[in-house]
Amino acid sequence: MKAIGIDIGGSEIKAGIITNKGKILKKIKIETNSIHGKKSLIKNLERIIKKLDSKEIKGIGIGFAGGVDSKKGQIIQSPNIPSMNNVFLVKELKKKFRKKIILENDAALMALAEALIGAGKKYSIVVGLTAGTGIGSGLIINKKIYSGKDNLTEIGHTIINFNGPKCSCGNNGCLEQYVGIKPLMKLTERKIELHNSILKKMWPLTPKKVDLAAKKKDKTAVSILKETGIYLGIGLTNILNSFNPDVIILGGGLSNSDLMIKTAVKEMKLRAFKRTRNTKILKAKFRNNAGIIGAGLIVFKSN
């Protein structure tokens, strides 16, 4: 059996033909072009589906960054693609394709892929956390996505400092304001103004360059990643104390920093209840492909 898995991001749409074992048989990607509005994006989706569709395709799974109502097939709110707010995406696509179509949060699908066949396949309670542009999260219980009453399990919006900076959600001091590409870059720009660092010669700065400088023992880069790691460790503590999972799986660009993750785990073990400190913290197996794999697999998981 085969399914189409689609991962809609702010800059690109990735899609593939996925087997029921999670193998990618074919993969394509195009620019999202969200600046042209919802009609343009939907047409792009239709074009991708037409390229991948066949009689062997059981259904189509779609991951989208932001709040979604999977039961209604509706995008509630998108921080990166506001033109898609309140769009009943499944209904729109059903006009052209007479197949099962499932819409789900992209981070939840990443967690599902890892829980079913990836780093978390041996465990019953799996939390997936993606640290990139923002913080995405998914909670998998007994191989099924748990979304809560209102399709919300937003770990990125747990508060780690009530006096912290204002978040897009309207609250103050959310984890997402301290861990992610934007806060890391803000912290980097602030620190290199105060200290002599090789980062001053590495413009334009990226998280990868900060990690590279830290590996070269640059004190400023090391302090940046350690500080970010402490914030992430507080976030991990909140996860342990709230859900007591078997494993937490880290994905996204920032999960590539071993120093940051090591610092986060150390901080977590200082703060969490003693009996939860043996919870495993693992890196995602599928990296950038987790979204489309999870989107394909959810087709086979649904009734």
C-alpha atoms as a PDB file:
ATOM      1  CA  MET A   1       0.000   0.000   0.000  1.00  0.00           C
ATOM      2  CA  LYS A   2       1.052   3.558  -0.679  1.00  0.00           C
ATOM      3  CA  ALA A   3       0.047   7.043   0.427  1.00  0.00           C
ATOM      4  CA  ILE A   4       1.025  10.612  -0.365  1.00  0.00           C
ATOM      5  CA  GLY A   5       2.647  12.509   2.491  1.00  0.00           C
ATOM      6  CA  ILE A   6       2.842  16.314   2.279  1.00  0.00           C
ATOM      7  CA  ASP A   7       4.668  18.724   4.588  1.00  0.00           C
ATOM      8  CA  ILE A   8       3.679  22.377   4.084  1.00  0.00           C
ATOM      9  CA  GLY A   9       6.260  24.840   5.357  1.00  0.00           C
ATOM     10  CA  GLY A  10       6.555  28.594   5.158  1.00  0.00           C
ATOM     11  CA  SER A  11       9.155  28.463   2.363  1.00  0.00           C
ATOM     12  CA  GLU A  12       8.645  25.089   0.670  1.00  0.00           C
ATOM     13  CA  ILE A  13       6.222  22.222   0.249  1.00  0.00           C
ATOM     14  CA  LYS A  14       7.744  18.755   0.478  1.00  0.00           C
ATOM     15  CA  ALA A  15       5.861  15.654  -0.604  1.00  0.00           C
ATOM     16  CA  GLY A  16       6.469  12.013  -1.285  1.00  0.00           C
ATOM     17  CA  ILE A  17       5.000   8.619  -1.971  1.00  0.00           C
ATOM     18  CA  ILE A  18       5.195   6.669   1.290  1.00  0.00           C
ATOM     19  CA  THR A  19       4.713   2.937   1.845  1.00  0.00           C
ATOM     20  CA  ASN A  20       2.888   1.564   4.883  1.00  0.00           C
ATOM     21  CA  LYS A  21       6.352   0.756   6.275  1.00  0.00           C
ATOM     22  CA  GLY A  22       7.413   4.405   6.021  1.00  0.00           C
ATOM     23  CA  LYS A  23       9.719   4.023   3.038  1.00  0.00           C
ATOM     24  CA  ILE A  24       9.936   7.022   0.692  1.00  0.00           C
ATOM     25  CA  LEU A  25       9.537   5.836  -2.910  1.00  0.00           C
ATOM     26  CA  LYS A  26       9.530   9.268  -4.526  1.00  0.00           C
ATOM     27  CA  LYS A  27      10.084  12.769  -3.191  1.00  0.00           C
ATOM     28  CA  ILE A  28       9.514  16.233  -4.656  1.00  0.00           C
ATOM     29  CA  LYS A  29       9.466  19.787  -3.352  1.00  0.00           C
ATOM     30  CA  ILE A  30       8.402  23.200  -4.621  1.00  0.00           C
ATOM     31  CA  GLU A  31       8.311  26.715  -3.234  1.00  0.00           C
ATOM     32  CA  THR A  32       5.266  27.479  -1.111  1.00  0.00           C
ATOM     33  CA  ASN A  33       4.754  30.951  -2.653  1.00  0.00           C
ATOM     34  CA  SER A  34       2.354  31.848   0.132  1.00  0.00           C
ATOM     35  CA  ILE A  35       2.662  35.571  -0.648  1.00  0.00           C
ATOM     36  CA  HIS A  36       0.296  35.017  -3.567  1.00  0.00           C
ATOM     37  CA  GLY A  37      -2.525  33.943  -1.265  1.00  0.00           C
ATOM     38  CA  LYS A  38      -4.473  30.796  -0.493  1.00  0.00           C
ATOM     39  CA  LYS A  39      -5.633  30.119  -4.068  1.00  0.00           C
ATOM     40  CA  SER A  40      -2.048  29.969  -5.300  1.00  0.00           C
ATOM     41  CA  LEU A  41      -0.984  27.671  -2.457  1.00  0.00           C
ATOM     42  CA  ILE A  42      -3.918  25.321  -2.995  1.00  0.00           C
ATOM     43  CA  LYS A  43      -3.093  25.162  -6.711  1.00  0.00           C
ATOM     44  CA  ASN A  44       0.479  24.252  -5.818  1.00  0.00           C
ATOM     45  CA  LEU A  45      -0.824  21.444  -3.616  1.00  0.00           C
ATOM     46  CA  GLU A  46      -3.063  20.196  -6.408  1.00  0.00           C
ATOM     47  CA  ARG A  47      -0.118  20.216  -8.800  1.00  0.00           C
ATOM     48  CA  ILE A  48       1.989  18.144  -6.392  1.00  0.00           C
ATOM     49  CA  ILE A  49      -0.789  15.642  -5.753  1.00  0.00           C
ATOM     50  CA  LYS A  50      -1.385  15.174  -9.503  1.00  0.00           C
ATOM     51  CA  LYS A  51       2.307  14.356  -9.979  1.00  0.00           C
ATOM     52  CA  LEU A  52       2.224  11.696  -7.259  1.00  0.00           C
ATOM     53  CA  ASP A  53      -1.321  10.329  -7.519  1.00  0.00           C
ATOM     54  CA  SER A  54      -2.177   6.901  -8.933  1.00  0.00           C
ATOM     55  CA  LYS A  55      -4.644   4.068  -8.386  1.00  0.00           C
ATOM     56  CA  GLU A  56      -2.261   2.580  -5.823  1.00  0.00           C
ATOM     57  CA  ILE A  57      -2.517   5.630  -3.548  1.00  0.00           C
ATOM     58  CA  LYS A  58      -4.747   4.919  -0.547  1.00  0.00           C
ATOM     59  CA  GLY A  59      -4.965   8.515   0.640  1.00  0.00           C
ATOM     60  CA  ILE A  60      -3.230  11.822   1.280  1.00  0.00           C
ATOM     61  CA  GLY A  61      -1.796  13.020   4.583  1.00  0.00           C
ATOM     62  CA  ILE A  62      -0.937  16.697   5.049  1.00  0.00           C
ATOM     63  CA  GLY A  63       1.148  18.310   7.774  1.00  0.00           C
ATOM     64  CA  PHE A  64       0.782  22.026   8.419  1.00  0.00           C
ATOM     65  CA  ALA A  65       2.654  24.274  10.850  1.00  0.00           C
ATOM     66  CA  GLY A  66       0.154  25.901  13.177  1.00  0.00           C
ATOM     67  CA  GLY A  67      -3.196  25.220  14.733  1.00  0.00           C
ATOM     68  CA  VAL A  68      -5.357  22.750  12.830  1.00  0.00           C
ATOM     69  CA  ASP A  69      -8.653  20.987  13.452  1.00  0.00           C
ATOM     70  CA  SER A  70      -8.009  17.530  12.062  1.00  0.00           C
ATOM     71  CA  LYS A  71     -11.635  16.461  12.487  1.00  0.00           C
ATOM     72  CA  LYS A  72     -12.917  19.338  10.352  1.00  0.00           C
ATOM     73  CA  GLY A  73      -9.904  19.393   8.035  1.00  0.00           C
ATOM     74  CA  GLN A  74      -9.444  23.064   8.857  1.00  0.00           C
ATOM     75  CA  ILE A  75      -6.412  25.269   9.344  1.00  0.00           C
ATOM     76  CA  ILE A  76      -7.293  27.407  12.363  1.00  0.00           C
ATOM     77  CA  GLN A  77      -4.271  29.678  12.557  1.00  0.00           C
ATOM     78  CA  SER A  78      -0.922  29.747  10.800  1.00  0.00           C
ATOM     79  CA  PRO A  79       1.920  31.955  12.116  1.00  0.00           C
ATOM     80  CA  ASN A  80       3.934  31.578   8.879  1.00  0.00           C
ATOM     81  CA  ILE A  81       1.149  31.530   6.270  1.00  0.00           C
ATOM     82  CA  PRO A  82      -1.629  33.830   7.546  1.00  0.00           C
ATOM     83  CA  SER A  83      -3.464  33.683   4.199  1.00  0.00           C
ATOM     84  CA  MET A  84      -4.428  30.104   5.158  1.00  0.00           C
ATOM     85  CA  ASN A  85      -6.103  31.046   8.435  1.00  0.00           C
ATOM     86  CA  ASN A  86      -9.592  29.512   8.779  1.00  0.00           C
ATOM     87  CA  VAL A  87      -9.268  27.602   5.492  1.00  0.00           C
ATOM     88  CA  PHE A  88     -11.046  24.228   5.222  1.00  0.00           C
ATOM     89  CA  LEU A  89      -8.162  22.706   3.309  1.00  0.00           C
ATOM     90  CA  VAL A  90      -9.494  19.150   3.123  1.00  0.00           C
ATOM     91  CA  LYS A  91     -12.803  20.369   1.687  1.00  0.00           C
ATOM     92  CA  GLU A  92     -10.953  22.422  -0.951  1.00  0.00           C
ATOM     93  CA  LEU A  93      -8.825  19.459  -2.060  1.00  0.00           C
ATOM     94  CA  LYS A  94     -11.777  17.064  -2.058  1.00  0.00           C
ATOM     95  CA  LYS A  95     -13.162  19.063  -4.988  1.00  0.00           C
ATOM     96  CA  LYS A  96     -10.396  17.599  -7.151  1.00  0.00           C
ATOM     97  CA  PHE A  97      -9.371  14.345  -5.466  1.00  0.00           C
ATOM     98  CA  ARG A  98     -11.737  11.565  -4.420  1.00  0.00           C
ATOM     99  CA  LYS A  99      -9.442  10.052  -1.833  1.00  0.00           C
ATOM    100  CA  LYS A 100      -9.090  10.017   1.907  1.00  0.00           C
ATOM    101  CA  ILE A 101      -7.394  13.285   2.935  1.00  0.00           C
ATOM    102  CA  ILE A 102      -6.149  13.911   6.483  1.00  0.00           C
ATOM    103  CA  LEU A 103      -4.855  17.224   7.838  1.00  0.00           C
ATOM    104  CA  GLU A 104      -2.694  17.314  10.986  1.00  0.00           C
ATOM    105  CA  ASN A 105      -0.151  19.521  12.729  1.00  0.00           C
ATOM    106  CA  ASP A 106       3.299  19.015  11.223  1.00  0.00           C
ATOM    107  CA  ALA A 107       5.140  18.528  14.519  1.00  0.00           C
ATOM    108  CA  ALA A 108       2.588  15.939  15.619  1.00  0.00           C
ATOM    109  CA  LEU A 109       3.286  14.039  12.396  1.00  0.00           C
ATOM    110  CA  MET A 110       7.029  14.252  13.007  1.00  0.00           C
ATOM    111  CA  ALA A 111       6.446  12.740  16.453  1.00  0.00           C
ATOM    112  CA  LEU A 112       4.184  10.057  14.976  1.00  0.00           C
ATOM    113  CA  ALA A 113       6.813   8.991  12.434  1.00  0.00           C
ATOM    114  CA  GLU A 114       9.443   8.726  15.142  1.00  0.00           C
ATOM    115  CA  ALA A 115       7.083   6.857  17.489  1.00  0.00           C
ATOM    116  CA  LEU A 116       5.998   4.334  14.863  1.00  0.00           C
ATOM    117  CA  ILE A 117       9.243   3.482  13.071  1.00  0.00           C
ATOM    118  CA  GLY A 118      11.914   5.912  14.252  1.00  0.00           C
ATOM    119  CA  ALA A 119      13.831   6.693  17.422  1.00  0.00           C
ATOM    120  CA  GLY A 120      10.756   6.174  19.611  1.00  0.00           C
ATOM    121  CA  LYS A 121       9.420   2.928  18.173  1.00  0.00           C
ATOM    122  CA  LYS A 122      10.198   0.941  21.357  1.00  0.00           C
ATOM    123  CA  TYR A 123       8.230   3.286  23.614  1.00  0.00           C
ATOM    124  CA  SER A 124       4.574   3.844  24.541  1.00  0.00           C
ATOM    125  CA  ILE A 125       4.588   7.541  25.504  1.00  0.00           C
ATOM    126  CA  VAL A 126       6.612   9.696  23.123  1.00  0.00           C
ATOM    127  CA  VAL A 127       6.981  13.468  23.014  1.00  0.00           C
ATOM    128  CA  GLY A 128       8.434  15.012  19.857  1.00  0.00           C
ATOM    129  CA  LEU A 129       9.897  18.501  20.024  1.00  0.00           C
ATOM    130  CA  THR A 130      11.090  20.400  16.949  1.00  0.00           C
ATOM    131  CA  ALA A 131      13.278  23.448  17.489  1.00  0.00           C
ATOM    132  CA  GLY A 132      13.572  25.526  14.334  1.00  0.00           C
ATOM    133  CA  THR A 133      11.841  28.770  13.381  1.00  0.00           C
ATOM    134  CA  GLY A 134       9.575  28.092  16.362  1.00  0.00           C
ATOM    135  CA  ILE A 135       8.917  25.226  18.744  1.00  0.00           C
ATOM    136  CA  GLY A 136       6.638  22.500  17.448  1.00  0.00           C
ATOM    137  CA  SER A 137       5.504  19.552  19.520  1.00  0.00           C
ATOM    138  CA  GLY A 138       3.590  16.304  19.388  1.00  0.00           C
ATOM    139  CA  LEU A 139       2.461  13.837  22.024  1.00  0.00           C
ATOM    140  CA  ILE A 140       2.053  10.193  21.006  1.00  0.00           C
ATOM    141  CA  ILE A 141       0.365   7.746  23.376  1.00  0.00           C
ATOM    142  CA  ASN A 142       0.284   4.082  22.399  1.00  0.00           C
ATOM    143  CA  LYS A 143       1.174   4.958  18.784  1.00  0.00           C
ATOM    144  CA  LYS A 144      -1.656   7.493  18.420  1.00  0.00           C
ATOM    145  CA  ILE A 145      -1.526  11.292  18.301  1.00  0.00           C
ATOM    146  CA  TYR A 146      -2.972  12.889  21.421  1.00  0.00           C
ATOM    147  CA  SER A 147      -4.271  16.364  20.556  1.00  0.00           C
ATOM    148  CA  GLY A 148      -6.432  17.219  23.555  1.00  0.00           C
ATOM    149  CA  LYS A 149     -10.003  18.487  23.504  1.00  0.00           C
ATOM    150  CA  ASP A 150      -9.215  21.409  21.182  1.00  0.00           C
ATOM    151  CA  ASN A 151      -6.337  19.982  19.127  1.00  0.00           C
ATOM    152  CA  LEU A 152      -3.759  21.794  21.228  1.00  0.00           C
ATOM    153  CA  THR A 153      -0.585  20.403  22.776  1.00  0.00           C
ATOM    154  CA  GLU A 154       1.616  23.475  22.338  1.00  0.00           C
ATOM    155  CA  ILE A 155       4.704  22.823  24.443  1.00  0.00           C
ATOM    156  CA  GLY A 156       6.409  25.789  22.778  1.00  0.00           C
ATOM    157  CA  HIS A 157       3.915  28.004  24.568  1.00  0.00           C
ATOM    158  CA  THR A 158       4.525  26.701  28.057  1.00  0.00           C
ATOM    159  CA  ILE A 159       5.825  29.613  30.131  1.00  0.00           C
ATOM    160  CA  ILE A 160       9.358  29.503  31.483  1.00  0.00           C
ATOM    161  CA  ASN A 161       9.509  33.171  32.590  1.00  0.00           C
ATOM    162  CA  PHE A 162       6.299  35.094  33.282  1.00  0.00           C
ATOM    163  CA  ASN A 163       8.256  38.377  33.073  1.00  0.00           C
ATOM    164  CA  GLY A 164       9.784  37.385  29.735  1.00  0.00           C
ATOM    165  CA  PRO A 165       9.336  38.869  26.258  1.00  0.00           C
ATOM    166  CA  LYS A 166       5.921  39.060  24.628  1.00  0.00           C
ATOM    167  CA  CYS A 167       5.037  36.074  22.479  1.00  0.00           C
ATOM    168  CA  SER A 168       2.903  36.007  19.327  1.00  0.00           C
ATOM    169  CA  CYS A 169       0.309  34.007  21.297  1.00  0.00           C
ATOM    170  CA  GLY A 170      -0.223  37.020  23.574  1.00  0.00           C
ATOM    171  CA  ASN A 171       1.525  35.583  26.618  1.00  0.00           C
ATOM    172  CA  ASN A 172       4.911  36.442  28.081  1.00  0.00           C
ATOM    173  CA  GLY A 173       7.997  34.274  28.429  1.00  0.00           C
ATOM    174  CA  CYS A 174       6.967  31.253  26.359  1.00  0.00           C
ATOM    175  CA  LEU A 175       9.620  28.623  25.652  1.00  0.00           C
ATOM    176  CA  GLU A 176       9.468  29.642  21.988  1.00  0.00           C
ATOM    177  CA  GLN A 177      10.819  33.080  22.937  1.00  0.00           C
ATOM    178  CA  TYR A 178      14.010  31.497  24.267  1.00  0.00           C
ATOM    179  CA  VAL A 179      14.636  28.444  22.084  1.00  0.00           C
ATOM    180  CA  GLY A 180      14.558  28.565  18.294  1.00  0.00           C
ATOM    181  CA  ILE A 181      16.380  30.246  15.443  1.00  0.00           C
ATOM    182  CA  LYS A 182      15.103  33.788  16.104  1.00  0.00           C
ATOM    183  CA  PRO A 183      15.890  33.903  19.843  1.00  0.00           C
ATOM    184  CA  LEU A 184      19.270  32.255  19.245  1.00  0.00           C
ATOM    185  CA  MET A 185      20.174  34.888  16.657  1.00  0.00           C
ATOM    186  CA  LYS A 186      19.005  37.709  18.938  1.00  0.00           C
ATOM    187  CA  LEU A 187      21.125  36.338  21.775  1.00  0.00           C
ATOM    188  CA  THR A 188      24.094  35.982  19.416  1.00  0.00           C
ATOM    189  CA  GLU A 189      23.853  39.567  18.159  1.00  0.00           C
ATOM    190  CA  ARG A 190      23.603  40.846  21.724  1.00  0.00           C
ATOM    191  CA  LYS A 191      26.580  38.859  23.013  1.00  0.00           C
ATOM    192  CA  ILE A 192      29.025  39.475  20.177  1.00  0.00           C
ATOM    193  CA  GLU A 193      28.658  43.214  20.727  1.00  0.00           C
ATOM    194  CA  LEU A 194      30.038  42.765  24.239  1.00  0.00           C
ATOM    195  CA  HIS A 195      32.788  40.222  23.612  1.00  0.00           C
ATOM    196  CA  ASN A 196      35.573  39.525  21.170  1.00  0.00           C
ATOM    197  CA  SER A 197      34.468  36.535  19.109  1.00  0.00           C
ATOM    198  CA  ILE A 198      35.288  34.851  15.814  1.00  0.00           C
ATOM    199  CA  LEU A 199      31.555  35.139  15.114  1.00  0.00           C
ATOM    200  CA  LYS A 200      32.157  38.769  14.153  1.00  0.00           C
ATOM    201  CA  LYS A 201      33.920  37.481  11.032  1.00  0.00           C
ATOM    202  CA  MET A 202      31.245  34.922  10.122  1.00  0.00           C
ATOM    203  CA  TRP A 203      28.435  37.083   8.770  1.00  0.00           C
ATOM    204  CA  PRO A 204      25.704  36.396   7.884  1.00  0.00           C
ATOM    205  CA  LEU A 205      25.278  34.471  11.110  1.00  0.00           C
ATOM    206  CA  THR A 206      23.343  31.196  11.309  1.00  0.00           C
ATOM    207  CA  PRO A 207      22.806  28.637  14.093  1.00  0.00           C
ATOM    208  CA  LYS A 208      25.149  26.293  12.235  1.00  0.00           C
ATOM    209  CA  LYS A 209      27.927  28.906  12.338  1.00  0.00           C
ATOM    210  CA  VAL A 210      27.375  29.479  16.054  1.00  0.00           C
ATOM    211  CA  ASP A 211      27.721  25.736  16.639  1.00  0.00           C
ATOM    212  CA  LEU A 212      30.849  25.647  14.466  1.00  0.00           C
ATOM    213  CA  ALA A 213      32.398  28.504  16.454  1.00  0.00           C
ATOM    214  CA  ALA A 214      31.575  26.698  19.709  1.00  0.00           C
ATOM    215  CA  LYS A 215      33.362  23.583  18.444  1.00  0.00           C
ATOM    216  CA  LYS A 216      36.394  25.812  17.888  1.00  0.00           C
ATOM    217  CA  LYS A 217      36.165  26.746  21.607  1.00  0.00           C
ATOM    218  CA  ASP A 218      34.979  30.311  20.968  1.00  0.00           C
ATOM    219  CA  LYS A 219      33.863  31.439  24.449  1.00  0.00           C
ATOM    220  CA  THR A 220      31.021  33.622  23.184  1.00  0.00           C
ATOM    221  CA  ALA A 221      29.544  30.861  21.017  1.00  0.00           C
ATOM    222  CA  VAL A 222      29.871  28.370  23.870  1.00  0.00           C
ATOM    223  CA  SER A 223      28.047  30.721  26.251  1.00  0.00           C
ATOM    224  CA  ILE A 224      25.266  31.297  23.690  1.00  0.00           C
ATOM    225  CA  LEU A 225      24.597  27.598  23.231  1.00  0.00           C
ATOM    226  CA  LYS A 226      24.831  26.872  26.960  1.00  0.00           C
ATOM    227  CA  GLU A 227      22.355  29.635  27.800  1.00  0.00           C
ATOM    228  CA  THR A 228      19.949  28.390  25.132  1.00  0.00           C
ATOM    229  CA  GLY A 229      20.469  24.861  26.431  1.00  0.00           C
ATOM    230  CA  ILE A 230      19.456  25.935  29.943  1.00  0.00           C
ATOM    231  CA  TYR A 231      16.199  27.369  28.589  1.00  0.00           C
ATOM    232  CA  LEU A 232      15.573  24.171  26.635  1.00  0.00           C
ATOM    233  CA  GLY A 233      16.316  22.158  29.783  1.00  0.00           C
ATOM    234  CA  ILE A 234      13.592  24.070  31.647  1.00  0.00           C
ATOM    235  CA  GLY A 235      11.232  23.235  28.786  1.00  0.00           C
ATOM    236  CA  LEU A 236      12.189  19.550  29.003  1.00  0.00           C
ATOM    237  CA  THR A 237      11.539  19.661  32.741  1.00  0.00           C
ATOM    238  CA  ASN A 238       8.024  20.958  32.086  1.00  0.00           C
ATOM    239  CA  ILE A 239       7.460  18.047  29.691  1.00  0.00           C
ATOM    240  CA  LEU A 240       8.703  15.475  32.224  1.00  0.00           C
ATOM    241  CA  ASN A 241       6.666  16.885  35.082  1.00  0.00           C
ATOM    242  CA  SER A 242       3.522  17.205  32.939  1.00  0.00           C
ATOM    243  CA  PHE A 243       3.515  14.017  30.846  1.00  0.00           C
ATOM    244  CA  ASN A 244       6.156  11.699  32.359  1.00  0.00           C
ATOM    245  CA  PRO A 245       6.940  10.228  28.904  1.00  0.00           C
ATOM    246  CA  ASP A 246       9.169   7.291  28.110  1.00  0.00           C
ATOM    247  CA  VAL A 247      11.215   9.376  25.690  1.00  0.00           C
ATOM    248  CA  ILE A 248      11.550  12.901  24.304  1.00  0.00           C
ATOM    249  CA  ILE A 249      12.713  13.112  20.697  1.00  0.00           C
ATOM    250  CA  LEU A 250      14.377  16.307  19.500  1.00  0.00           C
ATOM    251  CA  GLY A 251      14.213  17.423  15.866  1.00  0.00           C
ATOM    252  CA  GLY A 252      14.649  20.619  13.886  1.00  0.00           C
ATOM    253  CA  GLY A 253      17.789  22.538  13.052  1.00  0.00           C
ATOM    254  CA  LEU A 254      18.844  23.359  16.598  1.00  0.00           C
ATOM    255  CA  SER A 255      18.843  19.700  17.625  1.00  0.00           C
ATOM    256  CA  ASN A 256      22.135  19.397  15.709  1.00  0.00           C
ATOM    257  CA  SER A 257      24.006  21.211  18.500  1.00  0.00           C
ATOM    258  CA  ASP A 258      25.431  18.554  20.812  1.00  0.00           C
ATOM    259  CA  LEU A 259      26.565  21.199  23.302  1.00  0.00           C
ATOM    260  CA  MET A 260      23.099  22.711  23.563  1.00  0.00           C
ATOM    261  CA  ILE A 261      21.440  19.309  24.032  1.00  0.00           C
ATOM    262  CA  LYS A 262      24.053  18.191  26.595  1.00  0.00           C
ATOM    263  CA  THR A 263      23.455  21.402  28.568  1.00  0.00           C
ATOM    264  CA  ALA A 264      19.674  20.967  28.314  1.00  0.00           C
ATOM    265  CA  VAL A 265      19.801  17.414  29.647  1.00  0.00           C
ATOM    266  CA  LYS A 266      22.046  18.497  32.517  1.00  0.00           C
ATOM    267  CA  GLU A 267      19.627  21.300  33.429  1.00  0.00           C
ATOM    268  CA  MET A 268      16.655  18.951  33.158  1.00  0.00           C
ATOM    269  CA  LYS A 269      18.258  16.483  35.561  1.00  0.00           C
ATOM    270  CA  LEU A 270      18.813  19.271  38.085  1.00  0.00           C
ATOM    271  CA  ARG A 271      15.182  20.389  37.988  1.00  0.00           C
ATOM    272  CA  ALA A 272      12.919  17.421  37.227  1.00  0.00           C
ATOM    273  CA  PHE A 273      11.488  14.999  39.765  1.00  0.00           C
ATOM    274  CA  LYS A 274      14.107  12.370  40.553  1.00  0.00           C
ATOM    275  CA  ARG A 275      11.996   9.470  39.341  1.00  0.00           C
ATOM    276  CA  THR A 276      11.596  11.057  35.880  1.00  0.00           C
ATOM    277  CA  ARG A 277      15.280  11.868  35.317  1.00  0.00           C
ATOM    278  CA  ASN A 278      16.007   8.597  33.534  1.00  0.00           C
ATOM    279  CA  THR A 279      13.679   9.585  30.668  1.00  0.00           C
ATOM    280  CA  LYS A 280      15.621   9.225  27.435  1.00  0.00           C
ATOM    281  CA  ILE A 281      16.358  12.286  25.298  1.00  0.00           C
ATOM    282  CA  LEU A 282      17.044  11.197  21.711  1.00  0.00           C
ATOM    283  CA  LYS A 283      17.649  12.860  18.364  1.00  0.00           C
ATOM    284  CA  ALA A 284      15.076  12.365  15.625  1.00  0.00           C
ATOM    285  CA  LYS A 285      15.969   9.614  13.166  1.00  0.00           C
ATOM    286  CA  PHE A 286      14.301  11.020  10.062  1.00  0.00           C
ATOM    287  CA  ARG A 287      15.414  14.677  10.250  1.00  0.00           C
ATOM    288  CA  ASN A 288      13.850  16.666   7.373  1.00  0.00           C
ATOM    289  CA  ASN A 289      11.854  13.691   6.096  1.00  0.00           C
ATOM    290  CA  ALA A 290       9.922  13.079   9.327  1.00  0.00           C
ATOM    291  CA  GLY A 291       7.037  15.337   8.265  1.00  0.00           C
ATOM    292  CA  ILE A 292       6.242  13.586   4.993  1.00  0.00           C
ATOM    293  CA  ILE A 293       6.774  10.132   6.488  1.00  0.00           C
ATOM    294  CA  GLY A 294       4.387  10.907   9.338  1.00  0.00           C
ATOM    295  CA  ALA A 295       1.872  12.398   6.903  1.00  0.00           C
ATOM    296  CA  GLY A 296       1.945   9.226   4.836  1.00  0.00           C
ATOM    297  CA  LEU A 297       1.748   6.904   7.840  1.00  0.00           C
ATOM    298  CA  ILE A 298      -1.286   8.635   9.350  1.00  0.00           C
ATOM    299  CA  VAL A 299      -3.270   7.600   6.280  1.00  0.00           C
ATOM    300  CA  PHE A 300      -2.671   3.958   7.151  1.00  0.00           C
ATOM    301  CA  LYS A 301      -3.346   4.567  10.862  1.00  0.00           C
ATOM    302  CA  SER A 302      -6.777   6.122  10.289  1.00  0.00           C
ATOM    303  CA  ASN A 303      -9.951   4.120   9.948  1.00  0.00           C
END
